[in-house]
Amino acid sequence: GLHMPERILPTARDLAGRHVAYGVTPAMYAPVGDALIWTIERGMGDGFTPETREAWETAYGMLSTAMVESAYPKAGAPKVAAE
């Protein structure tokens, strides 16, 4: 489904809400991505080319960004206290 983000992103956003309930924080997404890429690299061996790495990093970046933005929406610009 990664070749059709419009199909997979709604599911990823729904999953993100459940991740919040499990205690997942935005900071946890980066090490999970690193572990995923490491695992794929080990599994593919010599077939894991720089292009493959870039494709997986792009895919994970798209999914994790959508999930974090969905689970932790920005509350707007921070308010600055008057001096």
N, C-alpha and C. Protein backbone atom coordinates (compact mmCIF):
# COMPACT_ATOMS: atom_id res chain seq x y z
N GLY A 1 0.79 -1.20 0.00
CA GLY A 1 0.00 0.00 0.00
C GLY A 1 0.83 1.27 0.00
N LEU A 2 2.14 1.15 0.16
CA LEU A 2 2.96 2.36 0.23
C LEU A 2 3.02 3.13 -1.09
N HIS A 3 2.72 2.47 -2.18
CA HIS A 3 2.71 3.16 -3.47
C HIS A 3 1.42 3.96 -3.67
N MET A 4 0.46 3.80 -2.76
CA MET A 4 -0.79 4.56 -2.81
C MET A 4 -1.05 5.16 -1.42
N PRO A 5 -0.34 6.25 -1.08
CA PRO A 5 -0.46 6.81 0.26
C PRO A 5 -1.88 7.19 0.64
N GLU A 6 -2.68 7.59 -0.32
CA GLU A 6 -4.05 7.98 -0.01
C GLU A 6 -4.85 6.83 0.60
N ARG A 7 -4.42 5.61 0.37
CA ARG A 7 -5.09 4.45 0.94
C ARG A 7 -4.55 4.09 2.32
N ILE A 8 -3.27 4.26 2.53
CA ILE A 8 -2.67 3.81 3.78
C ILE A 8 -2.64 4.89 4.87
N LEU A 9 -2.59 6.16 4.49
CA LEU A 9 -2.48 7.22 5.49
C LEU A 9 -3.67 7.30 6.44
N PRO A 10 -4.91 7.12 6.00
CA PRO A 10 -6.01 7.13 6.98
C PRO A 10 -5.86 6.04 8.05
N THR A 11 -5.40 4.87 7.64
CA THR A 11 -5.17 3.79 8.61
C THR A 11 -4.04 4.16 9.57
N ALA A 12 -2.99 4.74 9.04
CA ALA A 12 -1.86 5.16 9.89
C ALA A 12 -2.31 6.21 10.90
N ARG A 13 -3.14 7.14 10.47
CA ARG A 13 -3.64 8.18 11.38
C ARG A 13 -4.51 7.58 12.48
N ASP A 14 -5.34 6.62 12.13
CA ASP A 14 -6.15 5.94 13.14
C ASP A 14 -5.26 5.19 14.13
N LEU A 15 -4.27 4.53 13.61
CA LEU A 15 -3.33 3.79 14.46
C LEU A 15 -2.61 4.73 15.42
N ALA A 16 -2.30 5.91 14.96
CA ALA A 16 -1.59 6.89 15.80
C ALA A 16 -2.36 7.21 17.07
N GLY A 17 -3.66 7.32 16.96
CA GLY A 17 -4.48 7.59 18.15
C GLY A 17 -4.36 6.48 19.17
N ARG A 18 -4.32 5.26 18.71
CA ARG A 18 -4.15 4.13 19.63
C ARG A 18 -2.75 4.13 20.25
N HIS A 19 -1.77 4.56 19.48
CA HIS A 19 -0.41 4.64 20.01
C HIS A 19 -0.33 5.59 21.20
N VAL A 20 -1.07 6.68 21.15
CA VAL A 20 -1.08 7.62 22.28
C VAL A 20 -1.56 6.91 23.54
N ALA A 21 -2.60 6.11 23.39
CA ALA A 21 -3.14 5.37 24.54
C ALA A 21 -2.12 4.38 25.11
N TYR A 22 -1.20 3.91 24.28
CA TYR A 22 -0.16 2.98 24.74
C TYR A 22 1.02 3.70 25.37
N GLY A 23 0.99 5.04 25.33
CA GLY A 23 2.08 5.81 25.92
C GLY A 23 3.18 6.20 24.94
N VAL A 24 2.93 6.02 23.66
CA VAL A 24 3.92 6.39 22.65
C VAL A 24 4.01 7.91 22.57
N THR A 25 5.23 8.40 22.52
CA THR A 25 5.46 9.84 22.38
C THR A 25 6.07 10.11 21.01
N PRO A 26 5.99 11.36 20.54
CA PRO A 26 6.59 11.66 19.24
C PRO A 26 8.07 11.30 19.15
N ALA A 27 8.80 11.43 20.24
CA ALA A 27 10.23 11.13 20.24
C ALA A 27 10.52 9.66 19.97
N MET A 28 9.56 8.81 20.17
CA MET A 28 9.77 7.37 19.99
C MET A 28 9.75 6.94 18.52
N TYR A 29 9.20 7.78 17.66
CA TYR A 29 9.09 7.38 16.26
C TYR A 29 10.45 7.27 15.57
N ALA A 30 11.39 8.13 15.87
CA ALA A 30 12.70 8.08 15.21
C ALA A 30 13.45 6.79 15.52
N PRO A 31 13.59 6.39 16.79
CA PRO A 31 14.31 5.13 17.03
C PRO A 31 13.59 3.91 16.47
N VAL A 32 12.28 3.95 16.42
CA VAL A 32 11.54 2.84 15.80
C VAL A 32 11.87 2.79 14.31
N GLY A 33 11.92 3.94 13.67
CA GLY A 33 12.28 3.99 12.25
C GLY A 33 13.69 3.46 12.02
N ASP A 34 14.61 3.86 12.90
CA ASP A 34 15.98 3.36 12.79
C ASP A 34 16.02 1.84 12.91
N ALA A 35 15.27 1.30 13.87
CA ALA A 35 15.23 -0.15 14.07
C ALA A 35 14.61 -0.85 12.86
N LEU A 36 13.57 -0.25 12.31
CA LEU A 36 12.93 -0.83 11.13
C LEU A 36 13.91 -0.90 9.96
N ILE A 37 14.58 0.22 9.68
CA ILE A 37 15.54 0.26 8.57
C ILE A 37 16.67 -0.75 8.81
N TRP A 38 17.16 -0.81 10.03
CA TRP A 38 18.23 -1.74 10.37
C TRP A 38 17.78 -3.19 10.11
N THR A 39 16.56 -3.51 10.51
CA THR A 39 16.02 -4.86 10.33
C THR A 39 15.87 -5.20 8.86
N ILE A 40 15.34 -4.27 8.09
CA ILE A 40 15.17 -4.50 6.65
C ILE A 40 16.54 -4.69 6.00
N GLU A 41 17.50 -3.87 6.40
CA GLU A 41 18.85 -3.98 5.85
C GLU A 41 19.45 -5.36 6.13
N ARG A 42 19.30 -5.83 7.35
CA ARG A 42 19.84 -7.15 7.70
C ARG A 42 19.11 -8.25 6.93
N GLY A 43 17.82 -8.11 6.78
CA GLY A 43 17.05 -9.12 6.08
C GLY A 43 17.34 -9.19 4.60
N MET A 44 17.59 -8.04 3.99
CA MET A 44 17.83 -8.01 2.54
C MET A 44 19.29 -8.26 2.18
N GLY A 45 20.18 -8.07 3.11
CA GLY A 45 21.59 -8.29 2.82
C GLY A 45 22.09 -7.41 1.69
N ASP A 46 22.75 -8.04 0.71
CA ASP A 46 23.34 -7.29 -0.40
C ASP A 46 22.29 -6.59 -1.27
N GLY A 47 21.05 -7.02 -1.18
CA GLY A 47 19.99 -6.39 -1.96
C GLY A 47 19.54 -5.04 -1.40
N PHE A 48 20.05 -4.70 -0.24
CA PHE A 48 19.69 -3.43 0.40
C PHE A 48 20.63 -2.35 -0.13
N THR A 49 20.21 -1.71 -1.19
CA THR A 49 21.02 -0.70 -1.86
C THR A 49 20.76 0.68 -1.26
N PRO A 50 21.59 1.65 -1.60
CA PRO A 50 21.30 3.02 -1.15
C PRO A 50 19.91 3.49 -1.59
N GLU A 51 19.50 3.07 -2.78
CA GLU A 51 18.17 3.45 -3.27
C GLU A 51 17.07 2.82 -2.43
N THR A 52 17.30 1.56 -2.01
CA THR A 52 16.33 0.88 -1.16
C THR A 52 16.23 1.59 0.18
N ARG A 53 17.38 1.95 0.75
CA ARG A 53 17.38 2.69 2.01
C ARG A 53 16.58 3.99 1.87
N GLU A 54 16.86 4.72 0.81
CA GLU A 54 16.17 5.99 0.61
C GLU A 54 14.66 5.79 0.48
N ALA A 55 14.26 4.75 -0.24
CA ALA A 55 12.83 4.49 -0.41
C ALA A 55 12.16 4.17 0.92
N TRP A 56 12.80 3.31 1.73
CA TRP A 56 12.22 2.96 3.03
C TRP A 56 12.23 4.14 3.99
N GLU A 57 13.29 4.93 3.97
CA GLU A 57 13.34 6.11 4.83
C GLU A 57 12.25 7.11 4.44
N THR A 58 12.02 7.26 3.15
CA THR A 58 10.96 8.15 2.67
C THR A 58 9.60 7.63 3.09
N ALA A 59 9.38 6.33 2.92
CA ALA A 59 8.09 5.74 3.29
C ALA A 59 7.84 5.87 4.79
N TYR A 60 8.83 5.52 5.59
CA TYR A 60 8.65 5.62 7.04
C TYR A 60 8.48 7.08 7.46
N GLY A 61 9.22 7.97 6.84
CA GLY A 61 9.07 9.39 7.14
C GLY A 61 7.65 9.88 6.86
N MET A 62 7.10 9.47 5.74
CA MET A 62 5.73 9.86 5.38
C MET A 62 4.74 9.34 6.41
N LEU A 63 4.87 8.06 6.75
CA LEU A 63 3.93 7.46 7.70
C LEU A 63 4.09 8.04 9.10
N SER A 64 5.31 8.13 9.57
CA SER A 64 5.51 8.62 10.93
C SER A 64 5.12 10.09 11.06
N THR A 65 5.38 10.89 10.04
CA THR A 65 4.96 12.29 10.08
C THR A 65 3.45 12.39 10.15
N ALA A 66 2.76 11.63 9.32
CA ALA A 66 1.29 11.65 9.35
C ALA A 66 0.76 11.21 10.70
N MET A 67 1.39 10.20 11.27
CA MET A 67 0.93 9.68 12.56
C MET A 67 1.16 10.70 13.68
N VAL A 68 2.33 11.29 13.73
CA VAL A 68 2.63 12.27 14.77
C VAL A 68 1.72 13.48 14.63
N GLU A 69 1.56 13.96 13.41
CA GLU A 69 0.69 15.13 13.20
C GLU A 69 -0.75 14.84 13.58
N SER A 70 -1.20 13.61 13.36
CA SER A 70 -2.56 13.24 13.71
C SER A 70 -2.73 13.08 15.21
N ALA A 71 -1.76 12.43 15.85
CA ALA A 71 -1.88 12.12 17.27
C ALA A 71 -1.58 13.32 18.16
N TYR A 72 -0.75 14.22 17.67
CA TYR A 72 -0.33 15.37 18.46
C TYR A 72 -0.51 16.64 17.63
N PRO A 73 -1.76 17.01 17.34
CA PRO A 73 -1.98 18.19 16.50
C PRO A 73 -1.44 19.44 17.19
N LYS A 74 -0.93 20.29 16.37
CA LYS A 74 -0.40 21.55 16.88
C LYS A 74 -1.56 22.40 17.40
N ALA A 75 -1.37 22.99 18.53
CA ALA A 75 -2.42 23.82 19.13
C ALA A 75 -2.33 25.25 18.63
N GLY A 76 -1.58 25.48 17.59
CA GLY A 76 -1.41 26.84 17.07
C GLY A 76 -0.08 27.40 17.55
N ALA A 77 0.15 28.61 17.17
CA ALA A 77 1.40 29.27 17.56
C ALA A 77 1.44 29.50 19.05
N PRO A 78 2.60 29.34 19.66
CA PRO A 78 2.68 29.59 21.10
C PRO A 78 2.42 31.04 21.42
N LYS A 79 1.77 31.26 22.53
CA LYS A 79 1.46 32.63 22.94
C LYS A 79 2.67 33.19 23.67
N VAL A 80 2.99 34.42 23.37
CA VAL A 80 4.12 35.09 24.00
C VAL A 80 3.56 35.98 25.09
N ALA A 81 4.14 35.85 26.28
CA ALA A 81 3.68 36.67 27.40
C ALA A 81 4.06 38.12 27.18
N ALA A 82 3.15 39.00 27.54
CA ALA A 82 3.43 40.43 27.41
C ALA A 82 4.44 40.83 28.47
N GLU A 83 5.33 41.73 28.10
CA GLU A 83 6.35 42.17 29.06
C GLU A 83 5.97 43.48 29.68
